[in-house]
Amino acid sequence: MLKHLNIRVFGRVRDVGYRATARQKAIALGLVGLARNETDDSVYLEIEGEAGKIDKFLKWCYKGPWFAKVIKVEVTEGVIKHYINFIIDYNQTLLT
């Protein structure tokens, strides 16, 4: 069964390769979605795929790449958007 999660990661997650590493992890797990930096210095992720693979990705989000220091992760379920790959959105936007 396909699942979609919206994830916000807080802490030292900017300028440590979090988005790029999240993309690598997602692709390795066969997941799709997006990653972007937010103006509050968090990283926002959307991830879609099989529930078991998403659980592995979410577990990784709590650690992140080597230089990251994750303080908090917020997760909400979302509607499937049918992404075809995993992209990094370089346009910094505010959450609405």
PDB file of N, CA and C in Angstrom:
ATOM      1  N   MET A   1       0.831  -1.179   0.000  1.00  0.00           N
ATOM      2  CA  MET A   1       0.000   0.000   0.000  1.00  0.00           C
ATOM      3  C   MET A   1       0.881   1.250   0.000  1.00  0.00           C
ATOM      4  N   LEU A   2       0.549   2.203  -0.858  1.00  0.00           N
ATOM      5  CA  LEU A   2       1.296   3.449  -0.926  1.00  0.00           C
ATOM      6  C   LEU A   2       0.933   4.363   0.238  1.00  0.00           C
ATOM      7  N   LYS A   3       1.930   5.119   0.656  1.00  0.00           N
ATOM      8  CA  LYS A   3       1.773   6.019   1.777  1.00  0.00           C
ATOM      9  C   LYS A   3       2.487   7.331   1.442  1.00  0.00           C
ATOM     10  N   HIS A   4       2.006   8.436   2.002  1.00  0.00           N
ATOM     11  CA  HIS A   4       2.633   9.748   1.813  1.00  0.00           C
ATOM     12  C   HIS A   4       2.791  10.385   3.188  1.00  0.00           C
ATOM     13  N   LEU A   5       4.006  10.838   3.489  1.00  0.00           N
ATOM     14  CA  LEU A   5       4.254  11.562   4.730  1.00  0.00           C
ATOM     15  C   LEU A   5       4.822  12.934   4.433  1.00  0.00           C
ATOM     16  N   ASN A   6       4.405  13.914   5.243  1.00  0.00           N
ATOM     17  CA  ASN A   6       5.017  15.234   5.275  1.00  0.00           C
ATOM     18  C   ASN A   6       5.868  15.267   6.539  1.00  0.00           C
ATOM     19  N   ILE A   7       7.131  15.632   6.390  1.00  0.00           N
ATOM     20  CA  ILE A   7       8.072  15.563   7.502  1.00  0.00           C
ATOM     21  C   ILE A   7       8.793  16.898   7.624  1.00  0.00           C
ATOM     22  N   ARG A   8       8.873  17.426   8.844  1.00  0.00           N
ATOM     23  CA  ARG A   8       9.690  18.617   9.106  1.00  0.00           C
ATOM     24  C   ARG A   8      10.735  18.229  10.131  1.00  0.00           C
ATOM     25  N   VAL A   9      11.990  18.548   9.806  1.00  0.00           N
ATOM     26  CA  VAL A   9      13.109  18.174  10.654  1.00  0.00           C
ATOM     27  C   VAL A   9      13.761  19.449  11.180  1.00  0.00           C
ATOM     28  N   PHE A  10      13.950  19.514  12.493  1.00  0.00           N
ATOM     29  CA  PHE A  10      14.505  20.684  13.156  1.00  0.00           C
ATOM     30  C   PHE A  10      15.838  20.342  13.808  1.00  0.00           C
ATOM     31  N   GLY A  11      16.680  21.336  13.950  1.00  0.00           N
ATOM     32  CA  GLY A  11      17.982  21.179  14.580  1.00  0.00           C
ATOM     33  C   GLY A  11      19.050  21.723  13.658  1.00  0.00           C
ATOM     34  N   ARG A  12      20.254  21.166  13.723  1.00  0.00           N
ATOM     35  CA  ARG A  12      21.311  21.553  12.786  1.00  0.00           C
ATOM     36  C   ARG A  12      21.149  20.673  11.546  1.00  0.00           C
ATOM     37  N   VAL A  13      20.264  21.115  10.652  1.00  0.00           N
ATOM     38  CA  VAL A  13      19.937  20.332   9.463  1.00  0.00           C
ATOM     39  C   VAL A  13      20.159  21.125   8.178  1.00  0.00           C
ATOM     40  N   ARG A  14      20.633  22.354   8.306  1.00  0.00           N
ATOM     41  CA  ARG A  14      20.964  23.173   7.138  1.00  0.00           C
ATOM     42  C   ARG A  14      22.478  23.217   6.991  1.00  0.00           C
ATOM     43  N   ASP A  15      22.938  23.247   5.762  1.00  0.00           N
ATOM     44  CA  ASP A  15      24.374  23.311   5.451  1.00  0.00           C
ATOM     45  C   ASP A  15      25.151  22.101   5.971  1.00  0.00           C
ATOM     46  N   VAL A  16      24.473  20.964   6.075  1.00  0.00           N
ATOM     47  CA  VAL A  16      25.145  19.719   6.483  1.00  0.00           C
ATOM     48  C   VAL A  16      24.862  18.592   5.485  1.00  0.00           C
ATOM     49  N   GLY A  17      24.251  18.932   4.342  1.00  0.00           N
ATOM     50  CA  GLY A  17      23.947  17.931   3.321  1.00  0.00           C
ATOM     51  C   GLY A  17      22.703  17.115   3.617  1.00  0.00           C
ATOM     52  N   TYR A  18      21.810  17.636   4.462  1.00  0.00           N
ATOM     53  CA  TYR A  18      20.625  16.859   4.835  1.00  0.00           C
ATOM     54  C   TYR A  18      19.743  16.545   3.632  1.00  0.00           C
ATOM     55  N   ARG A  19      19.445  17.547   2.808  1.00  0.00           N
ATOM     56  CA  ARG A  19      18.550  17.311   1.660  1.00  0.00           C
ATOM     57  C   ARG A  19      19.162  16.329   0.668  1.00  0.00           C
ATOM     58  N   ALA A  20      20.444  16.524   0.362  1.00  0.00           N
ATOM     59  CA  ALA A  20      21.102  15.640  -0.609  1.00  0.00           C
ATOM     60  C   ALA A  20      21.187  14.208  -0.088  1.00  0.00           C
ATOM     61  N   THR A  21      21.480  14.065   1.186  1.00  0.00           N
ATOM     62  CA  THR A  21      21.569  12.729   1.765  1.00  0.00           C
ATOM     63  C   THR A  21      20.187  12.087   1.870  1.00  0.00           C
ATOM     64  N   ALA A  22      19.171  12.898   2.174  1.00  0.00           N
ATOM     65  CA  ALA A  22      17.796  12.381   2.199  1.00  0.00           C
ATOM     66  C   ALA A  22      17.411  11.862   0.814  1.00  0.00           C
ATOM     67  N   ARG A  23      17.800  12.599  -0.210  1.00  0.00           N
ATOM     68  CA  ARG A  23      17.508  12.172  -1.582  1.00  0.00           C
ATOM     69  C   ARG A  23      18.189  10.836  -1.876  1.00  0.00           C
ATOM     70  N   GLN A  24      19.456  10.698  -1.498  1.00  0.00           N
ATOM     71  CA  GLN A  24      20.183   9.439  -1.716  1.00  0.00           C
ATOM     72  C   GLN A  24      19.501   8.280  -0.991  1.00  0.00           C
ATOM     73  N   LYS A  25      19.110   8.520   0.253  1.00  0.00           N
ATOM     74  CA  LYS A  25      18.450   7.478   1.042  1.00  0.00           C
ATOM     75  C   LYS A  25      17.117   7.087   0.408  1.00  0.00           C
ATOM     76  N   ALA A  26      16.338   8.092  -0.013  1.00  0.00           N
ATOM     77  CA  ALA A  26      15.045   7.817  -0.641  1.00  0.00           C
ATOM     78  C   ALA A  26      15.215   6.995  -1.906  1.00  0.00           C
ATOM     79  N   ILE A  27      16.144   7.391  -2.754  1.00  0.00           N
ATOM     80  CA  ILE A  27      16.367   6.664  -4.006  1.00  0.00           C
ATOM     81  C   ILE A  27      16.813   5.239  -3.728  1.00  0.00           C
ATOM     82  N   ALA A  28      17.702   5.058  -2.741  1.00  0.00           N
ATOM     83  CA  ALA A  28      18.166   3.710  -2.393  1.00  0.00           C
ATOM     84  C   ALA A  28      17.017   2.824  -1.923  1.00  0.00           C
ATOM     85  N   LEU A  29      16.018   3.432  -1.288  1.00  0.00           N
ATOM     86  CA  LEU A  29      14.867   2.674  -0.806  1.00  0.00           C
ATOM     87  C   LEU A  29      13.746   2.562  -1.841  1.00  0.00           C
ATOM     88  N   GLY A  30      13.907   3.222  -2.987  1.00  0.00           N
ATOM     89  CA  GLY A  30      12.875   3.187  -4.018  1.00  0.00           C
ATOM     90  C   GLY A  30      11.701   4.103  -3.719  1.00  0.00           C
ATOM     91  N   LEU A  31      11.967   5.205  -2.998  1.00  0.00           N
ATOM     92  CA  LEU A  31      10.927   6.162  -2.636  1.00  0.00           C
ATOM     93  C   LEU A  31      11.021   7.413  -3.492  1.00  0.00           C
ATOM     94  N   VAL A  32       9.953   8.177  -3.530  1.00  0.00           N
ATOM     95  CA  VAL A  32       9.908   9.427  -4.295  1.00  0.00           C
ATOM     96  C   VAL A  32       9.405  10.550  -3.394  1.00  0.00           C
ATOM     97  N   GLY A  33       9.629  11.796  -3.822  1.00  0.00           N
ATOM     98  CA  GLY A  33       9.151  12.927  -3.045  1.00  0.00           C
ATOM     99  C   GLY A  33       9.979  14.166  -3.282  1.00  0.00           C
ATOM    100  N   LEU A  34      10.132  14.973  -2.217  1.00  0.00           N
ATOM    101  CA  LEU A  34      10.909  16.203  -2.348  1.00  0.00           C
ATOM    102  C   LEU A  34      11.508  16.588  -1.005  1.00  0.00           C
ATOM    103  N   ALA A  35      12.526  17.456  -1.082  1.00  0.00           N
ATOM    104  CA  ALA A  35      13.160  18.033   0.103  1.00  0.00           C
ATOM    105  C   ALA A  35      13.414  19.502  -0.182  1.00  0.00           C
ATOM    106  N   ARG A  36      13.190  20.351   0.842  1.00  0.00           N
ATOM    107  CA  ARG A  36      13.500  21.770   0.689  1.00  0.00           C
ATOM    108  C   ARG A  36      13.816  22.375   2.053  1.00  0.00           C
ATOM    109  N   ASN A  37      14.614  23.420   2.025  1.00  0.00           N
ATOM    110  CA  ASN A  37      14.894  24.199   3.221  1.00  0.00           C
ATOM    111  C   ASN A  37      13.748  25.159   3.465  1.00  0.00           C
ATOM    112  N   GLU A  38      13.450  25.397   4.731  1.00  0.00           N
ATOM    113  CA  GLU A  38      12.423  26.355   5.106  1.00  0.00           C
ATOM    114  C   GLU A  38      13.082  27.584   5.726  1.00  0.00           C
ATOM    115  N   THR A  39      12.373  28.678   5.752  1.00  0.00           N
ATOM    116  CA  THR A  39      12.943  29.926   6.263  1.00  0.00           C
ATOM    117  C   THR A  39      13.188  29.890   7.771  1.00  0.00           C
ATOM    118  N   ASP A  40      12.608  28.910   8.479  1.00  0.00           N
ATOM    119  CA  ASP A  40      12.851  28.782   9.919  1.00  0.00           C
ATOM    120  C   ASP A  40      14.019  27.846  10.210  1.00  0.00           C
ATOM    121  N   ASP A  41      14.827  27.564   9.187  1.00  0.00           N
ATOM    122  CA  ASP A  41      16.015  26.705   9.268  1.00  0.00           C
ATOM    123  C   ASP A  41      15.700  25.219   9.424  1.00  0.00           C
ATOM    124  N   SER A  42      14.456  24.830   9.258  1.00  0.00           N
ATOM    125  CA  SER A  42      14.124  23.406   9.247  1.00  0.00           C
ATOM    126  C   SER A  42      14.243  22.878   7.813  1.00  0.00           C
ATOM    127  N   VAL A  43      14.143  21.570   7.685  1.00  0.00           N
ATOM    128  CA  VAL A  43      14.074  20.928   6.373  1.00  0.00           C
ATOM    129  C   VAL A  43      12.705  20.271   6.273  1.00  0.00           C
ATOM    130  N   TYR A  44      12.035  20.515   5.150  1.00  0.00           N
ATOM    131  CA  TYR A  44      10.721  19.938   4.875  1.00  0.00           C
ATOM    132  C   TYR A  44      10.893  18.840   3.843  1.00  0.00           C
ATOM    133  N   LEU A  45      10.283  17.691   4.108  1.00  0.00           N
ATOM    134  CA  LEU A  45      10.352  16.543   3.202  1.00  0.00           C
ATOM    135  C   LEU A  45       8.945  16.035   2.935  1.00  0.00           C
ATOM    136  N   GLU A  46       8.726  15.593   1.726  1.00  0.00           N
ATOM    137  CA  GLU A  46       7.545  14.801   1.397  1.00  0.00           C
ATOM    138  C   GLU A  46       8.081  13.496   0.848  1.00  0.00           C
ATOM    139  N   ILE A  47       7.505  12.399   1.298  1.00  0.00           N
ATOM    140  CA  ILE A  47       7.999  11.091   0.877  1.00  0.00           C
ATOM    141  C   ILE A  47       6.815  10.194   0.556  1.00  0.00           C
ATOM    142  N   GLU A  48       6.936   9.446  -0.534  1.00  0.00           N
ATOM    143  CA  GLU A  48       5.883   8.521  -0.968  1.00  0.00           C
ATOM    144  C   GLU A  48       6.482   7.171  -1.320  1.00  0.00           C
ATOM    145  N   GLY A  49       5.717   6.142  -1.019  1.00  0.00           N
ATOM    146  CA  GLY A  49       6.130   4.797  -1.382  1.00  0.00           C
ATOM    147  C   GLY A  49       5.494   3.769  -0.474  1.00  0.00           C
ATOM    148  N   GLU A  50       6.072   2.583  -0.463  1.00  0.00           N
ATOM    149  CA  GLU A  50       5.567   1.492   0.360  1.00  0.00           C
ATOM    150  C   GLU A  50       5.808   1.799   1.828  1.00  0.00           C
ATOM    151  N   ALA A  51       4.835   1.456   2.655  1.00  0.00           N
ATOM    152  CA  ALA A  51       4.872   1.797   4.082  1.00  0.00           C
ATOM    153  C   ALA A  51       6.148   1.311   4.772  1.00  0.00           C
ATOM    154  N   GLY A  52       6.568   0.095   4.510  1.00  0.00           N
ATOM    155  CA  GLY A  52       7.769  -0.450   5.153  1.00  0.00           C
ATOM    156  C   GLY A  52       9.023   0.328   4.799  1.00  0.00           C
ATOM    157  N   LYS A  53       9.122   0.745   3.546  1.00  0.00           N
ATOM    158  CA  LYS A  53      10.275   1.529   3.108  1.00  0.00           C
ATOM    159  C   LYS A  53      10.228   2.933   3.704  1.00  0.00           C
ATOM    160  N   ILE A  54       9.029   3.489   3.800  1.00  0.00           N
ATOM    161  CA  ILE A  54       8.888   4.814   4.409  1.00  0.00           C
ATOM    162  C   ILE A  54       9.278   4.754   5.881  1.00  0.00           C
ATOM    163  N   ASP A  55       8.956   3.682   6.570  1.00  0.00           N
ATOM    164  CA  ASP A  55       9.356   3.540   7.976  1.00  0.00           C
ATOM    165  C   ASP A  55      10.877   3.567   8.111  1.00  0.00           C
ATOM    166  N   LYS A  56      11.583   2.920   7.192  1.00  0.00           N
ATOM    167  CA  LYS A  56      13.055   2.947   7.215  1.00  0.00           C
ATOM    168  C   LYS A  56      13.574   4.358   6.953  1.00  0.00           C
ATOM    169  N   PHE A  57      12.957   5.059   6.009  1.00  0.00           N
ATOM    170  CA  PHE A  57      13.360   6.433   5.708  1.00  0.00           C
ATOM    171  C   PHE A  57      13.121   7.334   6.921  1.00  0.00           C
ATOM    172  N   LEU A  58      11.973   7.190   7.550  1.00  0.00           N
ATOM    173  CA  LEU A  58      11.636   8.018   8.704  1.00  0.00           C
ATOM    174  C   LEU A  58      12.625   7.772   9.846  1.00  0.00           C
ATOM    175  N   LYS A  59      13.002   6.546  10.055  1.00  0.00           N
ATOM    176  CA  LYS A  59      14.001   6.230  11.087  1.00  0.00           C
ATOM    177  C   LYS A  59      15.307   6.969  10.782  1.00  0.00           C
ATOM    178  N   TRP A  60      15.703   7.000   9.510  1.00  0.00           N
ATOM    179  CA  TRP A  60      16.909   7.733   9.117  1.00  0.00           C
ATOM    180  C   TRP A  60      16.759   9.232   9.405  1.00  0.00           C
ATOM    181  N   CYS A  61      15.569   9.791   9.203  1.00  0.00           N
ATOM    182  CA  CYS A  61      15.342  11.233   9.408  1.00  0.00           C
ATOM    183  C   CYS A  61      15.712  11.680  10.810  1.00  0.00           C
ATOM    184  N   TYR A  62      15.555  10.813  11.785  1.00  0.00           N
ATOM    185  CA  TYR A  62      15.881  11.165  13.164  1.00  0.00           C
ATOM    186  C   TYR A  62      17.384  11.263  13.395  1.00  0.00           C
ATOM    187  N   LYS A  63      18.186  10.701  12.490  1.00  0.00           N
ATOM    188  CA  LYS A  63      19.642  10.786  12.595  1.00  0.00           C
ATOM    189  C   LYS A  63      20.202  11.758  11.575  1.00  0.00           C
ATOM    190  N   GLY A  64      19.819  11.594  10.312  1.00  0.00           N
ATOM    191  CA  GLY A  64      20.324  12.442   9.244  1.00  0.00           C
ATOM    192  C   GLY A  64      21.770  12.138   8.907  1.00  0.00           C
ATOM    193  N   PRO A  65      22.405  13.005   8.121  1.00  0.00           N
ATOM    194  CA  PRO A  65      23.802  12.795   7.743  1.00  0.00           C
ATOM    195  C   PRO A  65      24.742  13.058   8.927  1.00  0.00           C
ATOM    196  N   TRP A  66      25.994  12.743   8.726  1.00  0.00           N
ATOM    197  CA  TRP A  66      27.024  12.779   9.757  1.00  0.00           C
ATOM    198  C   TRP A  66      27.036  14.066  10.581  1.00  0.00           C
ATOM    199  N   PHE A  67      27.028  15.240   9.956  1.00  0.00           N
ATOM    200  CA  PHE A  67      27.182  16.499  10.676  1.00  0.00           C
ATOM    201  C   PHE A  67      25.864  17.081  11.204  1.00  0.00           C
ATOM    202  N   ALA A  68      24.759  16.437  10.919  1.00  0.00           N
ATOM    203  CA  ALA A  68      23.465  16.934  11.386  1.00  0.00           C
ATOM    204  C   ALA A  68      23.282  16.652  12.877  1.00  0.00           C
ATOM    205  N   LYS A  69      22.477  17.485  13.505  1.00  0.00           N
ATOM    206  CA  LYS A  69      22.061  17.243  14.892  1.00  0.00           C
ATOM    207  C   LYS A  69      20.555  17.478  14.942  1.00  0.00           C
ATOM    208  N   VAL A  70      19.817  16.412  14.782  1.00  0.00           N
ATOM    209  CA  VAL A  70      18.364  16.488  14.738  1.00  0.00           C
ATOM    210  C   VAL A  70      17.827  16.639  16.158  1.00  0.00           C
ATOM    211  N   ILE A  71      16.995  17.667  16.350  1.00  0.00           N
ATOM    212  CA  ILE A  71      16.386  17.930  17.655  1.00  0.00           C
ATOM    213  C   ILE A  71      14.944  17.433  17.688  1.00  0.00           C
ATOM    214  N   LYS A  72      14.223  17.643  16.581  1.00  0.00           N
ATOM    215  CA  LYS A  72      12.801  17.283  16.559  1.00  0.00           C
ATOM    216  C   LYS A  72      12.394  16.930  15.132  1.00  0.00           C
ATOM    217  N   VAL A  73      11.487  15.970  15.016  1.00  0.00           N
ATOM    218  CA  VAL A  73      10.913  15.578  13.728  1.00  0.00           C
ATOM    219  C   VAL A  73       9.397  15.592  13.886  1.00  0.00           C
ATOM    220  N   GLU A  74       8.729  16.344  13.017  1.00  0.00           N
ATOM    221  CA  GLU A  74       7.265  16.373  12.994  1.00  0.00           C
ATOM    222  C   GLU A  74       6.790  15.624  11.755  1.00  0.00           C
ATOM    223  N   VAL A  75       5.824  14.737  11.939  1.00  0.00           N
ATOM    224  CA  VAL A  75       5.342  13.887  10.844  1.00  0.00           C
ATOM    225  C   VAL A  75       3.824  13.958  10.768  1.00  0.00           C
ATOM    226  N   THR A  76       3.319  14.189   9.556  1.00  0.00           N
ATOM    227  CA  THR A  76       1.881  14.104   9.314  1.00  0.00           C
ATOM    228  C   THR A  76       1.659  13.289   8.050  1.00  0.00           C
ATOM    229  N   GLU A  77       0.555  12.562   8.034  1.00  0.00           N
ATOM    230  CA  GLU A  77       0.213  11.828   6.813  1.00  0.00           C
ATOM    231  C   GLU A  77      -0.397  12.791   5.821  1.00  0.00           C
ATOM    232  N   GLY A  78      -0.142  12.532   4.547  1.00  0.00           N
ATOM    233  CA  GLY A  78      -0.669  13.390   3.502  1.00  0.00           C
ATOM    234  C   GLY A  78      -1.310  12.587   2.386  1.00  0.00           C
ATOM    235  N   VAL A  79      -1.767  13.310   1.395  1.00  0.00           N
ATOM    236  CA  VAL A  79      -2.413  12.722   0.225  1.00  0.00           C
ATOM    237  C   VAL A  79      -1.349  12.350  -0.794  1.00  0.00           C
ATOM    238  N   ILE A  80      -1.479  11.198  -1.410  1.00  0.00           N
ATOM    239  CA  ILE A  80      -0.544  10.758  -2.445  1.00  0.00           C
ATOM    240  C   ILE A  80      -0.539  11.774  -3.585  1.00  0.00           C
ATOM    241  N   LYS A  81       0.654  12.225  -3.969  1.00  0.00           N
ATOM    242  CA  LYS A  81       0.794  13.200  -5.052  1.00  0.00           C
ATOM    243  C   LYS A  81       1.375  12.578  -6.316  1.00  0.00           C
ATOM    244  N   HIS A  82       1.747  11.327  -6.255  1.00  0.00           N
ATOM    245  CA  HIS A  82       2.265  10.581  -7.409  1.00  0.00           C
ATOM    246  C   HIS A  82       3.538  11.202  -7.984  1.00  0.00           C
ATOM    247  N   TYR A  83       4.474  11.519  -7.109  1.00  0.00           N
ATOM    248  CA  TYR A  83       5.790  11.963  -7.578  1.00  0.00           C
ATOM    249  C   TYR A  83       6.391  10.872  -8.456  1.00  0.00           C
ATOM    250  N   ILE A  84       7.217  11.273  -9.418  1.00  0.00           N
ATOM    251  CA  ILE A  84       7.870  10.274 -10.273  1.00  0.00           C
ATOM    252  C   ILE A  84       9.339  10.084  -9.905  1.00  0.00           C
ATOM    253  N   ASN A  85       9.884  10.986  -9.077  1.00  0.00           N
ATOM    254  CA  ASN A  85      11.254  10.852  -8.593  1.00  0.00           C
ATOM    255  C   ASN A  85      11.385  11.646  -7.299  1.00  0.00           C
ATOM    256  N   PHE A  86      12.593  11.754  -6.790  1.00  0.00           N
ATOM    257  CA  PHE A  86      12.828  12.546  -5.584  1.00  0.00           C
ATOM    258  C   PHE A  86      13.603  13.792  -5.995  1.00  0.00           C
ATOM    259  N   ILE A  87      13.049  14.952  -5.695  1.00  0.00           N
ATOM    260  CA  ILE A  87      13.681  16.199  -6.123  1.00  0.00           C
ATOM    261  C   ILE A  87      14.070  17.049  -4.907  1.00  0.00           C
ATOM    262  N   ILE A  88      15.056  17.881  -5.115  1.00  0.00           N
ATOM    263  CA  ILE A  88      15.415  18.893  -4.133  1.00  0.00           C
ATOM    264  C   ILE A  88      14.894  20.216  -4.665  1.00  0.00           C
ATOM    265  N   ASP A  89      14.019  20.827  -3.901  1.00  0.00           N
ATOM    266  CA  ASP A  89      13.434  22.111  -4.264  1.00  0.00           C
ATOM    267  C   ASP A  89      14.339  23.199  -3.688  1.00  0.00           C
ATOM    268  N   TYR A  90      14.990  23.942  -4.569  1.00  0.00           N
ATOM    269  CA  TYR A  90      15.931  24.970  -4.124  1.00  0.00           C
ATOM    270  C   TYR A  90      15.266  26.320  -3.890  1.00  0.00           C
ATOM    271  N   ASN A  91      13.955  26.410  -4.095  1.00  0.00           N
ATOM    272  CA  ASN A  91      13.217  27.647  -3.825  1.00  0.00           C
ATOM    273  C   ASN A  91      12.746  27.613  -2.387  1.00  0.00           C
ATOM    274  N   GLN A  92      13.335  28.430  -1.556  1.00  0.00           N
ATOM    275  CA  GLN A  92      12.987  28.458  -0.140  1.00  0.00           C
ATOM    276  C   GLN A  92      11.625  29.126   0.019  1.00  0.00           C
ATOM    277  N   THR A  93      10.706  28.434   0.689  1.00  0.00           N
ATOM    278  CA  THR A  93       9.368  28.975   0.844  1.00  0.00           C
ATOM    279  C   THR A  93       8.904  28.832   2.286  1.00  0.00           C
ATOM    280  N   LEU A  94       7.890  29.570   2.640  1.00  0.00           N
ATOM    281  CA  LEU A  94       7.258  29.443   3.946  1.00  0.00           C
ATOM    282  C   LEU A  94       6.177  28.380   3.886  1.00  0.00           C
ATOM    283  N   LEU A  95       6.030  27.649   4.968  1.00  0.00           N
ATOM    284  CA  LEU A  95       4.904  26.725   5.050  1.00  0.00           C
ATOM    285  C   LEU A  95       3.642  27.525   5.254  1.00  0.00           C
ATOM    286  N   THR A  96       2.567  27.084   4.633  1.00  0.00           N
ATOM    287  CA  THR A  96       1.296  27.801   4.781  1.00  0.00           C
ATOM    288  C   THR A  96       0.375  27.054   5.704  1.00  0.00           C
TER     289      THR A  96
END
